[in-house]
C-alpha atoms as a PDB file:
ATOM      1  CA  MET A   1     278.402 290.159  98.327  1.00  0.00           C
ATOM      2  CA  SER A   2     277.462 291.399 102.214  1.00  0.00           C
ATOM      3  CA  VAL A   3     274.410 290.427 103.827  1.00  0.00           C
ATOM      4  CA  LEU A   4     272.237 292.128 106.676  1.00  0.00           C
ATOM      5  CA  LEU A   5     271.986 290.042 110.011  1.00  0.00           C
ATOM      6  CA  LEU A   6     269.400 290.415 112.584  1.00  0.00           C
ATOM      7  CA  THR A   7     269.705 288.249 115.940  1.00  0.00           C
ATOM      8  CA  GLU A   8     266.759 287.088 117.902  1.00  0.00           C
ATOM      9  CA  GLU A   9     267.191 290.759 120.391  1.00  0.00           C
ATOM     10  CA  GLU A  10     267.147 293.105 117.533  1.00  0.00           C
ATOM     11  CA  VAL A  11     264.060 291.621 115.612  1.00  0.00           C
ATOM     12  CA  GLN A  12     262.116 291.758 118.549  1.00  0.00           C
ATOM     13  CA  ARG A  13     263.444 295.324 119.482  1.00  0.00           C
ATOM     14  CA  LEU A  14     262.118 296.046 116.219  1.00  0.00           C
ATOM     15  CA  LEU A  15     258.883 294.322 115.260  1.00  0.00           C
ATOM     16  CA  THR A  16     255.690 295.453 117.037  1.00  0.00           C
ATOM     17  CA  MET A  17     252.489 293.443 116.340  1.00  0.00           C
ATOM     18  CA  ASP A  18     250.722 296.351 114.687  1.00  0.00           C
ATOM     19  CA  MET A  19     253.468 295.746 112.064  1.00  0.00           C
ATOM     20  CA  ALA A  20     252.632 292.583 112.443  1.00  0.00           C
ATOM     21  CA  LEU A  21     249.070 292.609 111.582  1.00  0.00           C
ATOM     22  CA  GLU A  22     249.326 294.806 108.856  1.00  0.00           C
ATOM     23  CA  ALA A  23     252.119 292.771 107.200  1.00  0.00           C
ATOM     24  CA  VAL A  24     250.006 289.363 107.755  1.00  0.00           C
ATOM     25  CA  GLU A  25     247.156 291.225 106.338  1.00  0.00           C
ATOM     26  CA  GLN A  26     248.924 292.189 103.230  1.00  0.00           C
ATOM     27  CA  GLY A  27     250.493 288.279 102.958  1.00  0.00           C
ATOM     28  CA  LEU A  28     246.816 287.009 103.226  1.00  0.00           C
ATOM     29  CA  ARG A  29     245.838 289.211 100.929  1.00  0.00           C
ATOM     30  CA  LYS A  30     248.047 288.404  98.018  1.00  0.00           C
ATOM     31  CA  MET A  31     247.245 285.052  98.653  1.00  0.00           C
ATOM     32  CA  GLY A  32     243.812 285.650  98.036  1.00  0.00           C
ATOM     33  CA  LEU A  33     244.284 287.224  94.904  1.00  0.00           C
ATOM     34  CA  ASP A  34     246.789 284.608  93.985  1.00  0.00           C
ATOM     35  CA  GLU A  35     249.819 286.822  93.580  1.00  0.00           C
ATOM     36  CA  ALA A  36     251.409 284.627  96.056  1.00  0.00           C
ATOM     37  CA  GLN A  37     252.984 280.722  96.490  1.00  0.00           C
ATOM     38  CA  ASN A  38     252.929 279.115  99.425  1.00  0.00           C
ATOM     39  CA  VAL A  39     255.030 275.760 100.410  1.00  0.00           C
ATOM     40  CA  PRO A  40     253.530 273.841 103.516  1.00  0.00           C
ATOM     41  CA  ARG A  41     255.887 272.853 105.767  1.00  0.00           C
ATOM     42  CA  ALA A  42     257.828 269.981 104.926  1.00  0.00           C
ATOM     43  CA  ARG A  43     259.654 267.515 108.035  1.00  0.00           C
ATOM     44  CA  VAL A  44     263.004 265.421 107.983  1.00  0.00           C
ATOM     45  CA  GLN A  45     264.350 263.789 110.644  1.00  0.00           C
ATOM     46  CA  THR A  46     266.494 261.406 112.293  1.00  0.00           C
ATOM     47  CA  ASP A  47     266.424 259.568 115.409  1.00  0.00           C
ATOM     48  CA  HIS A  48     267.038 262.749 117.507  1.00  0.00           C
ATOM     49  CA  SER A  49     265.870 265.428 115.829  1.00  0.00           C
ATOM     50  CA  MET A  50     263.606 267.217 113.225  1.00  0.00           C
ATOM     51  CA  MET A  51     263.982 269.659 110.661  1.00  0.00           C
ATOM     52  CA  HIS A  52     260.718 271.720 109.746  1.00  0.00           C
ATOM     53  CA  THR A  53     261.213 274.221 106.299  1.00  0.00           C
ATOM     54  CA  MET A  54     258.570 276.192 104.385  1.00  0.00           C
ATOM     55  CA  ALA A  55     258.719 278.599 101.754  1.00  0.00           C
ATOM     56  CA  ALA A  56     257.130 281.587 100.153  1.00  0.00           C
ATOM     57  CA  ALA A  57     257.249 284.115  97.253  1.00  0.00           C
ATOM     58  CA  ALA A  58     254.786 286.983  96.705  1.00  0.00           C
ATOM     59  CA  LYS A  59     255.735 289.027  93.359  1.00  0.00           C
ATOM     60  CA  SER A  60     254.233 292.368  94.549  1.00  0.00           C
ATOM     61  CA  LEU A  61     255.911 292.134  98.129  1.00  0.00           C
ATOM     62  CA  GLY A  62     259.316 291.823  95.791  1.00  0.00           C
ATOM     63  CA  VAL A  63     260.674 289.050  98.286  1.00  0.00           C
ATOM     64  CA  MET A  64     260.672 285.534  98.765  1.00  0.00           C
ATOM     65  CA  GLY A  65     262.229 283.295 101.882  1.00  0.00           C
ATOM     66  CA  VAL A  66     262.616 280.216 103.641  1.00  0.00           C
ATOM     67  CA  LYS A  67     262.253 279.001 107.297  1.00  0.00           C
ATOM     68  CA  THR A  68     263.981 276.956 108.774  1.00  0.00           C
ATOM     69  CA  TYR A  69     264.112 275.120 112.307  1.00  0.00           C
ATOM     70  CA  VAL A  70     264.595 272.552 114.503  1.00  0.00           C
ATOM     71  CA  THR A  71     263.502 270.641 117.471  1.00  0.00           C
ATOM     72  CA  SER A  72     264.972 268.265 119.619  1.00  0.00           C
ATOM     73  CA  ARG A  73     264.537 266.971 122.937  1.00  0.00           C
ATOM     74  CA  LYS A  74     267.771 267.859 123.914  1.00  0.00           C
ATOM     75  CA  GLY A  75     267.780 271.281 122.988  1.00  0.00           C
ATOM     76  CA  PRO A  76     266.069 274.522 122.495  1.00  0.00           C
ATOM     77  CA  THR A  77     264.207 275.153 118.888  1.00  0.00           C
ATOM     78  CA  ARG A  78     266.449 277.388 116.292  1.00  0.00           C
ATOM     79  CA  PHE A  79     264.288 279.535 114.116  1.00  0.00           C
ATOM     80  CA  GLN A  80     266.111 280.932 110.853  1.00  0.00           C
ATOM     81  CA  LEU A  81     264.986 282.786 107.994  1.00  0.00           C
ATOM     82  CA  SER A  82     266.748 283.777 105.035  1.00  0.00           C
ATOM     83  CA  LEU A  83     265.051 286.961 103.146  1.00  0.00           C
ATOM     84  CA  TYR A  84     266.112 286.772  98.897  1.00  0.00           C
ATOM     85  CA  ASP A  85     265.263 289.671  96.231  1.00  0.00           C
ATOM     86  CA  GLY A  86     262.329 288.664  94.336  1.00  0.00           C
ATOM     87  CA  LYS A  87     263.735 290.161  91.196  1.00  0.00           C
ATOM     88  CA  THR A  88     267.323 289.431  91.330  1.00  0.00           C
ATOM     89  CA  GLY A  89     267.543 286.374  93.745  1.00  0.00           C
ATOM     90  CA  ALA A  90     270.426 288.062  96.022  1.00  0.00           C
ATOM     91  CA  LEU A  91     270.137 286.769  99.981  1.00  0.00           C
ATOM     92  CA  LEU A  92     269.204 289.854 101.905  1.00  0.00           C
ATOM     93  CA  CYS A  93     268.756 289.474 104.891  1.00  0.00           C
ATOM     94  CA  LEU A  94     269.606 286.172 107.506  1.00  0.00           C
ATOM     95  CA  MET A  95     267.653 286.646 110.950  1.00  0.00           C
ATOM     96  CA  GLN A  96     266.792 284.530 113.949  1.00  0.00           C
ATOM     97  CA  ALA A  97     262.914 283.903 113.947  1.00  0.00           C
ATOM     98  CA  ASP A  98     261.719 282.561 117.319  1.00  0.00           C
ATOM     99  CA  TYR A  99     259.996 285.608 117.932  1.00  0.00           C
ATOM    100  CA  LEU A 100     258.654 286.755 114.421  1.00  0.00           C
ATOM    101  CA  GLY A 101     257.431 283.351 114.257  1.00  0.00           C
ATOM    102  CA  GLN A 102     254.934 284.168 117.543  1.00  0.00           C
ATOM    103  CA  MET A 103     254.488 287.230 116.194  1.00  0.00           C
ATOM    104  CA  ARG A 104     252.802 286.232 112.702  1.00  0.00           C
ATOM    105  CA  THR A 105     250.748 283.715 114.317  1.00  0.00           C
ATOM    106  CA  GLY A 106     249.252 285.961 117.024  1.00  0.00           C
ATOM    107  CA  ALA A 107     248.520 288.439 113.912  1.00  0.00           C
ATOM    108  CA  ALA A 108     247.181 285.827 111.697  1.00  0.00           C
ATOM    109  CA  SER A 109     244.292 284.901 114.695  1.00  0.00           C
ATOM    110  CA  GLY A 110     244.130 289.069 115.129  1.00  0.00           C
ATOM    111  CA  VAL A 111     243.201 289.462 111.277  1.00  0.00           C
ATOM    112  CA  ALA A 112     240.938 286.649 111.363  1.00  0.00           C
ATOM    113  CA  THR A 113     239.183 287.906 114.616  1.00  0.00           C
ATOM    114  CA  ASN A 114     238.749 291.245 113.236  1.00  0.00           C
ATOM    115  CA  LEU A 115     237.039 289.911 110.228  1.00  0.00           C
ATOM    116  CA  MET A 116     234.958 287.259 112.098  1.00  0.00           C
ATOM    117  CA  ALA A 117     234.487 287.953 115.295  1.00  0.00           C
ATOM    118  CA  ARG A 118     231.415 290.024 115.917  1.00  0.00           C
ATOM    119  CA  PRO A 119     232.049 293.547 116.644  1.00  0.00           C
ATOM    120  CA  ASP A 120     231.145 294.013 120.167  1.00  0.00           C
ATOM    121  CA  ALA A 121     233.072 291.159 121.378  1.00  0.00           C
ATOM    122  CA  THR A 122     234.370 291.943 124.576  1.00  0.00           C
ATOM    123  CA  GLU A 123     235.051 288.813 126.442  1.00  0.00           C
ATOM    124  CA  VAL A 124     237.647 286.400 125.762  1.00  0.00           C
ATOM    125  CA  GLY A 125     239.092 282.958 126.762  1.00  0.00           C
ATOM    126  CA  VAL A 126     242.508 281.303 126.372  1.00  0.00           C
ATOM    127  CA  TYR A 127     243.823 277.731 126.734  1.00  0.00           C
ATOM    128  CA  GLY A 128     247.545 277.753 126.919  1.00  0.00           C
ATOM    129  CA  SER A 129     249.690 279.710 128.596  1.00  0.00           C
ATOM    130  CA  GLY A 130     252.544 279.758 126.629  1.00  0.00           C
ATOM    131  CA  LYS A 131     254.559 282.372 124.274  1.00  0.00           C
ATOM    132  CA  GLN A 132     252.191 281.884 121.282  1.00  0.00           C
ATOM    133  CA  ALA A 133     249.311 282.144 123.933  1.00  0.00           C
ATOM    134  CA  ARG A 134     250.850 285.236 124.909  1.00  0.00           C
ATOM    135  CA  THR A 135     250.692 286.601 121.154  1.00  0.00           C
ATOM    136  CA  GLN A 136     247.643 285.492 120.702  1.00  0.00           C
ATOM    137  CA  LEU A 137     245.898 287.926 122.946  1.00  0.00           C
ATOM    138  CA  GLU A 138     247.968 290.550 122.514  1.00  0.00           C
ATOM    139  CA  ALA A 139     246.502 290.600 118.571  1.00  0.00           C
ATOM    140  CA  VAL A 140     242.914 290.169 119.566  1.00  0.00           C
ATOM    141  CA  CYS A 141     243.245 292.718 122.499  1.00  0.00           C
ATOM    142  CA  ARG A 142     244.472 295.210 119.175  1.00  0.00           C
ATOM    143  CA  VAL A 143     241.478 294.590 117.235  1.00  0.00           C
ATOM    144  CA  ARG A 144     238.688 294.277 119.994  1.00  0.00           C
ATOM    145  CA  ARG A 145     238.011 295.863 123.020  1.00  0.00           C
ATOM    146  CA  VAL A 146     238.547 293.043 125.438  1.00  0.00           C
ATOM    147  CA  ARG A 147     236.875 293.869 128.555  1.00  0.00           C
ATOM    148  CA  GLN A 148     238.162 290.487 130.156  1.00  0.00           C
ATOM    149  CA  VAL A 149     239.924 287.317 129.550  1.00  0.00           C
ATOM    150  CA  HIS A 150     239.411 284.261 131.203  1.00  0.00           C
ATOM    151  CA  VAL A 151     242.969 282.260 131.264  1.00  0.00           C
ATOM    152  CA  PHE A 152     242.783 278.150 131.693  1.00  0.00           C
ATOM    153  CA  SER A 153     246.273 275.911 132.097  1.00  0.00           C
ATOM    154  CA  PRO A 154     247.095 272.753 134.040  1.00  0.00           C
ATOM    155  CA  SER A 155     250.081 274.464 135.893  1.00  0.00           C
ATOM    156  CA  GLU A 156     248.403 276.991 138.569  1.00  0.00           C
ATOM    157  CA  GLU A 157     251.764 278.618 138.682  1.00  0.00           C
ATOM    158  CA  ARG A 158     251.731 279.159 134.741  1.00  0.00           C
ATOM    159  CA  ARG A 159     248.183 280.981 134.636  1.00  0.00           C
ATOM    160  CA  ARG A 160     248.666 283.145 137.361  1.00  0.00           C
ATOM    161  CA  GLN A 161     251.693 284.377 135.866  1.00  0.00           C
ATOM    162  CA  PHE A 162     249.958 284.784 132.501  1.00  0.00           C
ATOM    163  CA  ALA A 163     247.292 286.827 133.979  1.00  0.00           C
ATOM    164  CA  GLU A 164     249.699 288.977 135.528  1.00  0.00           C
ATOM    165  CA  GLU A 165     251.589 289.909 132.678  1.00  0.00           C
ATOM    166  CA  MET A 166     249.185 290.104 130.085  1.00  0.00           C
ATOM    167  CA  SER A 167     246.972 292.035 132.064  1.00  0.00           C
ATOM    168  CA  ALA A 168     249.647 294.454 132.332  1.00  0.00           C
ATOM    169  CA  LYS A 169     250.833 294.770 128.612  1.00  0.00           C
ATOM    170  CA  CYS A 170     247.229 294.528 127.252  1.00  0.00           C
ATOM    171  CA  GLN A 171     245.432 297.228 129.854  1.00  0.00           C
ATOM    172  CA  THR A 172     242.436 294.746 130.931  1.00  0.00           C
ATOM    173  CA  GLU A 173     241.335 291.973 133.295  1.00  0.00           C
ATOM    174  CA  VAL A 174     242.943 288.762 132.731  1.00  0.00           C
ATOM    175  CA  GLU A 175     242.066 286.348 135.592  1.00  0.00           C
ATOM    176  CA  PRO A 176     243.230 282.773 136.012  1.00  0.00           C
ATOM    177  CA  THR A 177     240.807 279.893 136.205  1.00  0.00           C
ATOM    178  CA  ALA A 178     240.896 276.167 137.534  1.00  0.00           C
ATOM    179  CA  ARG A 179     237.805 274.918 135.740  1.00  0.00           C
ATOM    180  CA  PRO A 180     238.352 274.701 132.091  1.00  0.00           C
ATOM    181  CA  GLU A 181     234.913 275.532 131.130  1.00  0.00           C
ATOM    182  CA  ARG A 182     235.103 278.701 132.650  1.00  0.00           C
ATOM    183  CA  ALA A 183     237.182 280.061 130.026  1.00  0.00           C
ATOM    184  CA  THR A 184     234.541 279.462 127.219  1.00  0.00           C
ATOM    185  CA  GLU A 185     231.551 280.174 129.729  1.00  0.00           C
ATOM    186  CA  ASN A 186     229.362 283.696 128.084  1.00  0.00           C
ATOM    187  CA  LYS A 187     232.938 284.597 126.043  1.00  0.00           C
ATOM    188  CA  ASP A 188     232.968 285.851 122.237  1.00  0.00           C
ATOM    189  CA  ILE A 189     236.286 284.989 121.459  1.00  0.00           C
ATOM    190  CA  ILE A 190     237.962 281.874 122.078  1.00  0.00           C
ATOM    191  CA  ILE A 191     241.747 280.816 121.934  1.00  0.00           C
ATOM    192  CA  THR A 192     243.119 277.260 121.823  1.00  0.00           C
ATOM    193  CA  ALA A 193     247.136 277.705 122.082  1.00  0.00           C
ATOM    194  CA  THR A 194     248.089 274.395 123.759  1.00  0.00           C
ATOM    195  CA  THR A 195     250.554 271.686 123.200  1.00  0.00           C
ATOM    196  CA  SER A 196     247.666 268.962 123.869  1.00  0.00           C
ATOM    197  CA  ARG A 197     247.019 266.024 121.866  1.00  0.00           C
ATOM    198  CA  GLU A 198     243.121 265.666 123.246  1.00  0.00           C
ATOM    199  CA  PRO A 199     240.595 268.152 123.148  1.00  0.00           C
ATOM    200  CA  VAL A 200     240.654 270.833 125.670  1.00  0.00           C
ATOM    201  CA  LEU A 201     237.446 272.819 124.056  1.00  0.00           C
ATOM    202  CA  TYR A 202     234.739 271.031 124.054  1.00  0.00           C
ATOM    203  CA  GLY A 203     231.305 272.322 121.115  1.00  0.00           C
ATOM    204  CA  HIS A 204     228.522 272.526 123.807  1.00  0.00           C
ATOM    205  CA  TRP A 205     230.349 274.630 126.028  1.00  0.00           C
ATOM    206  CA  LEU A 206     230.075 277.095 122.996  1.00  0.00           C
ATOM    207  CA  ALA A 207     227.365 280.135 123.138  1.00  0.00           C
ATOM    208  CA  GLN A 208     226.061 281.660 120.165  1.00  0.00           C
ATOM    209  CA  GLY A 209     228.113 283.768 118.521  1.00  0.00           C
ATOM    210  CA  THR A 210     231.160 282.809 119.567  1.00  0.00           C
ATOM    211  CA  HIS A 211     234.380 283.256 117.758  1.00  0.00           C
ATOM    212  CA  VAL A 212     237.110 280.789 118.373  1.00  0.00           C
ATOM    213  CA  ASN A 213     240.668 280.962 117.161  1.00  0.00           C
ATOM    214  CA  ALA A 214     242.587 277.344 117.287  1.00  0.00           C
ATOM    215  CA  VAL A 215     246.207 277.526 117.397  1.00  0.00           C
ATOM    216  CA  GLY A 216     248.163 275.042 119.368  1.00  0.00           C
ATOM    217  CA  SER A 217     248.037 271.834 116.775  1.00  0.00           C
ATOM    218  CA  ASN A 218     249.943 271.973 113.683  1.00  0.00           C
ATOM    219  CA  TYR A 219     250.291 268.011 113.549  1.00  0.00           C
ATOM    220  CA  ILE A 220     247.612 265.576 111.791  1.00  0.00           C
ATOM    221  CA  THR A 221     247.265 263.517 115.378  1.00  0.00           C
ATOM    222  CA  LYS A 222     246.883 265.879 117.640  1.00  0.00           C
ATOM    223  CA  ALA A 223     243.219 267.567 118.020  1.00  0.00           C
ATOM    224  CA  GLU A 224     242.514 270.879 120.608  1.00  0.00           C
ATOM    225  CA  LEU A 225     238.924 270.933 119.525  1.00  0.00           C
ATOM    226  CA  ASP A 226     236.233 267.985 119.690  1.00  0.00           C
ATOM    227  CA  VAL A 227     233.950 267.022 117.100  1.00  0.00           C
ATOM    228  CA  GLU A 228     230.578 269.277 118.460  1.00  0.00           C
ATOM    229  CA  VAL A 229     232.755 272.648 117.778  1.00  0.00           C
ATOM    230  CA  PHE A 230     232.257 271.787 114.257  1.00  0.00           C
ATOM    231  CA  ARG A 231     228.629 270.685 114.596  1.00  0.00           C
ATOM    232  CA  ARG A 232     228.119 273.718 115.399  1.00  0.00           C
ATOM    233  CA  CYS A 233     230.364 275.804 113.680  1.00  0.00           C
ATOM    234  CA  ALA A 234     228.700 278.015 110.483  1.00  0.00           C
ATOM    235  CA  ASN A 235     231.840 278.918 109.268  1.00  0.00           C
ATOM    236  CA  VAL A 236     235.363 277.308 109.099  1.00  0.00           C
ATOM    237  CA  VAL A 237     238.377 279.102 107.592  1.00  0.00           C
ATOM    238  CA  VAL A 238     242.086 278.363 107.432  1.00  0.00           C
ATOM    239  CA  ASP A 239     245.271 280.055 106.564  1.00  0.00           C
ATOM    240  CA  SER A 240     245.956 277.796 104.054  1.00  0.00           C
ATOM    241  CA  LYS A 241     243.745 274.638 102.421  1.00  0.00           C
ATOM    242  CA  GLU A 242     247.047 272.855 101.397  1.00  0.00           C
ATOM    243  CA  GLN A 243     248.403 272.685 104.187  1.00  0.00           C
ATOM    244  CA  ALA A 244     245.257 271.893 106.619  1.00  0.00           C
ATOM    245  CA  ARG A 245     245.181 268.802 104.694  1.00  0.00           C
ATOM    246  CA  LEU A 246     248.549 267.808 105.685  1.00  0.00           C
ATOM    247  CA  GLU A 247     248.629 269.161 109.610  1.00  0.00           C
ATOM    248  CA  ALA A 248     245.055 269.872 110.579  1.00  0.00           C
ATOM    249  CA  GLY A 249     244.643 267.268 112.869  1.00  0.00           C
ATOM    250  CA  ASP A 250     241.388 268.935 114.412  1.00  0.00           C
ATOM    251  CA  PHE A 251     240.025 268.240 111.553  1.00  0.00           C
ATOM    252  CA  GLN A 252     240.660 264.762 110.895  1.00  0.00           C
ATOM    253  CA  GLN A 253     237.405 263.109 113.270  1.00  0.00           C
ATOM    254  CA  PRO A 254     234.740 265.418 112.275  1.00  0.00           C
ATOM    255  CA  LEU A 255     236.202 264.401 108.128  1.00  0.00           C
ATOM    256  CA  GLU A 256     235.421 260.989 108.808  1.00  0.00           C
ATOM    257  CA  GLU A 257     232.256 261.427 110.592  1.00  0.00           C
ATOM    258  CA  GLY A 258     231.256 263.628 107.815  1.00  0.00           C
ATOM    259  CA  VAL A 259     230.365 266.847 110.281  1.00  0.00           C
ATOM    260  CA  LEU A 260     232.935 269.059 107.935  1.00  0.00           C
ATOM    261  CA  HIS A 261     233.841 268.777 104.021  1.00  0.00           C
ATOM    262  CA  TRP A 262     237.053 270.368 102.541  1.00  0.00           C
ATOM    263  CA  THR A 263     234.148 272.220 100.516  1.00  0.00           C
ATOM    264  CA  ASP A 264     232.771 273.671 103.550  1.00  0.00           C
ATOM    265  CA  VAL A 265     236.672 275.138 104.303  1.00  0.00           C
ATOM    266  CA  HIS A 266     237.867 278.250 103.343  1.00  0.00           C
ATOM    267  CA  GLU A 267     241.102 280.311 103.244  1.00  0.00           C
ATOM    268  CA  LEU A 268     241.525 283.712 105.436  1.00  0.00           C
ATOM    269  CA  GLY A 269     242.832 285.294 102.199  1.00  0.00           C
ATOM    270  CA  GLN A 270     239.622 285.177 100.613  1.00  0.00           C
ATOM    271  CA  VAL A 271     237.820 286.656 103.461  1.00  0.00           C
ATOM    272  CA  VAL A 272     240.525 289.663 103.420  1.00  0.00           C
ATOM    273  CA  VAL A 273     239.352 290.540  99.704  1.00  0.00           C
ATOM    274  CA  GLY A 274     236.245 289.817 100.113  1.00  0.00           C
ATOM    275  CA  ARG A 275     235.395 286.360  98.169  1.00  0.00           C
ATOM    276  CA  TYR A 276     234.133 284.521 100.962  1.00  0.00           C
ATOM    277  CA  PRO A 277     232.179 286.421 104.117  1.00  0.00           C
ATOM    278  CA  GLY A 278     233.899 286.033 108.051  1.00  0.00           C
ATOM    279  CA  ARG A 279     230.592 286.023 109.243  1.00  0.00           C
ATOM    280  CA  LYS A 280     226.898 285.937 108.012  1.00  0.00           C
ATOM    281  CA  GLN A 281     225.016 286.141 110.788  1.00  0.00           C
ATOM    282  CA  ALA A 282     225.391 287.489 115.229  1.00  0.00           C
ATOM    283  CA  GLN A 283     224.602 283.796 116.630  1.00  0.00           C
ATOM    284  CA  ASP A 284     227.286 282.224 114.438  1.00  0.00           C
ATOM    285  CA  ILE A 285     229.958 280.136 115.614  1.00  0.00           C
ATOM    286  CA  THR A 286     232.946 280.584 113.519  1.00  0.00           C
ATOM    287  CA  LEU A 287     236.476 279.009 113.607  1.00  0.00           C
ATOM    288  CA  PHE A 288     239.819 280.226 112.143  1.00  0.00           C
ATOM    289  CA  LYS A 289     242.040 277.341 112.093  1.00  0.00           C
ATOM    290  CA  SER A 290     245.891 278.603 111.975  1.00  0.00           C
ATOM    291  CA  LEU A 291     248.648 276.576 110.546  1.00  0.00           C
ATOM    292  CA  GLY A 292     250.892 279.022 110.739  1.00  0.00           C
ATOM    293  CA  ILE A 293     252.154 279.639 106.936  1.00  0.00           C
ATOM    294  CA  ALA A 294     255.131 280.687 105.282  1.00  0.00           C
ATOM    295  CA  GLU A 295     253.698 283.373 103.291  1.00  0.00           C
ATOM    296  CA  GLU A 296     252.949 285.073 106.832  1.00  0.00           C
ATOM    297  CA  ASP A 297     256.620 284.937 107.927  1.00  0.00           C
ATOM    298  CA  VAL A 298     258.050 286.258 104.756  1.00  0.00           C
ATOM    299  CA  ALA A 299     255.868 289.061 104.719  1.00  0.00           C
ATOM    300  CA  VAL A 300     256.246 289.857 108.338  1.00  0.00           C
ATOM    301  CA  ALA A 301     260.160 289.474 107.612  1.00  0.00           C
ATOM    302  CA  ALA A 302     259.978 292.061 105.065  1.00  0.00           C
ATOM    303  CA  LYS A 303     258.658 294.862 107.168  1.00  0.00           C
ATOM    304  CA  VAL A 304     261.398 293.757 110.125  1.00  0.00           C
ATOM    305  CA  TYR A 305     264.291 294.101 106.854  1.00  0.00           C
ATOM    306  CA  ALA A 306     262.833 297.519 105.719  1.00  0.00           C
ATOM    307  CA  LEU A 307     262.837 298.589 109.511  1.00  0.00           C
ATOM    308  CA  ALA A 308     266.565 297.452 110.120  1.00  0.00           C
ATOM    309  CA  GLN A 309     268.096 299.579 107.107  1.00  0.00           C
ATOM    310  CA  ALA A 310     265.878 302.299 108.245  1.00  0.00           C
ATOM    311  CA  GLN A 311     267.322 302.511 111.583  1.00  0.00           C
ATOM    312  CA  ASN A 312     270.809 301.094 110.615  1.00  0.00           C
ATOM    313  CA  VAL A 313     269.927 297.896 113.108  1.00  0.00           C
ATOM    314  CA  GLY A 314     271.757 294.787 112.287  1.00  0.00           C
ATOM    315  CA  ARG A 315     275.208 294.509 111.067  1.00  0.00           C
ATOM    316  CA  MET A 316     276.433 293.259 107.364  1.00  0.00           C
ATOM    317  CA  ILE A 317     278.439 290.508 106.979  1.00  0.00           C
ATOM    318  CA  ASP A 318     280.332 288.694 103.993  1.00  0.00           C
ATOM    319  CA  TRP A 319     278.890 286.229 101.750  1.00  0.00           C
END
């Protein structure tokens, strides 16, 4: 049996944000219609490393897949995705999936922003200056006409570099700020994409009508948002409630204090198919809590695989 092998560089050459937005919305639509299965991330570890695995299938997409990655203090994270034919079970493609993961996470927030942020939103605040923050901002700029961005990061050099790079990439004004509250003041859209274990965004900073994409925390012990954010939110949406119960550290204190209830939380797929509104009123504060789910990975991987075949990218290996 021959299998297509795609390297990180080849995936990066093929995958655009527009592709990712289309694929992620399609995958979420399948979840909203109960036409997909998503297995939440599971983790196993040794004394030195941790392995993360997640899987999904969507019969109408014709594929299923599993993503695996290992984190370690001693080396860089390696991401791999295996894509299978949904009918025959044949292994179709092995691809490196670091860039794919960054793009699908950004695209999920792009889909949420398109459905939940005010149509006239133009001002954006970003917390974080890493790879995930970059694709978050890129996706938001694809779905809204962003006029100005303020980015906060503890590192002056990193926020300056982020501002320079993303100003050029997004063709908009991105300014670094040393004051964390400046990235929230009078903003229409807020992005949190940090590694912080403690809140970086406080609810009393938020203006009415703001939409928040919270991305950084996917551990039950980490939280980027304080309780007041949830107290002020009119609408809380996640990509997977099942995965949120395992990983949404941002939810723990609000749940314990009775500020948030699971019955108030809806899935983005339900918003995509119109079962639940993304925004009810212009002055509402809305929140999308992103966990990063396998259905998004597999939907994007299917697009990348099809384009690689069409453009004869990658190499076939015997398996």
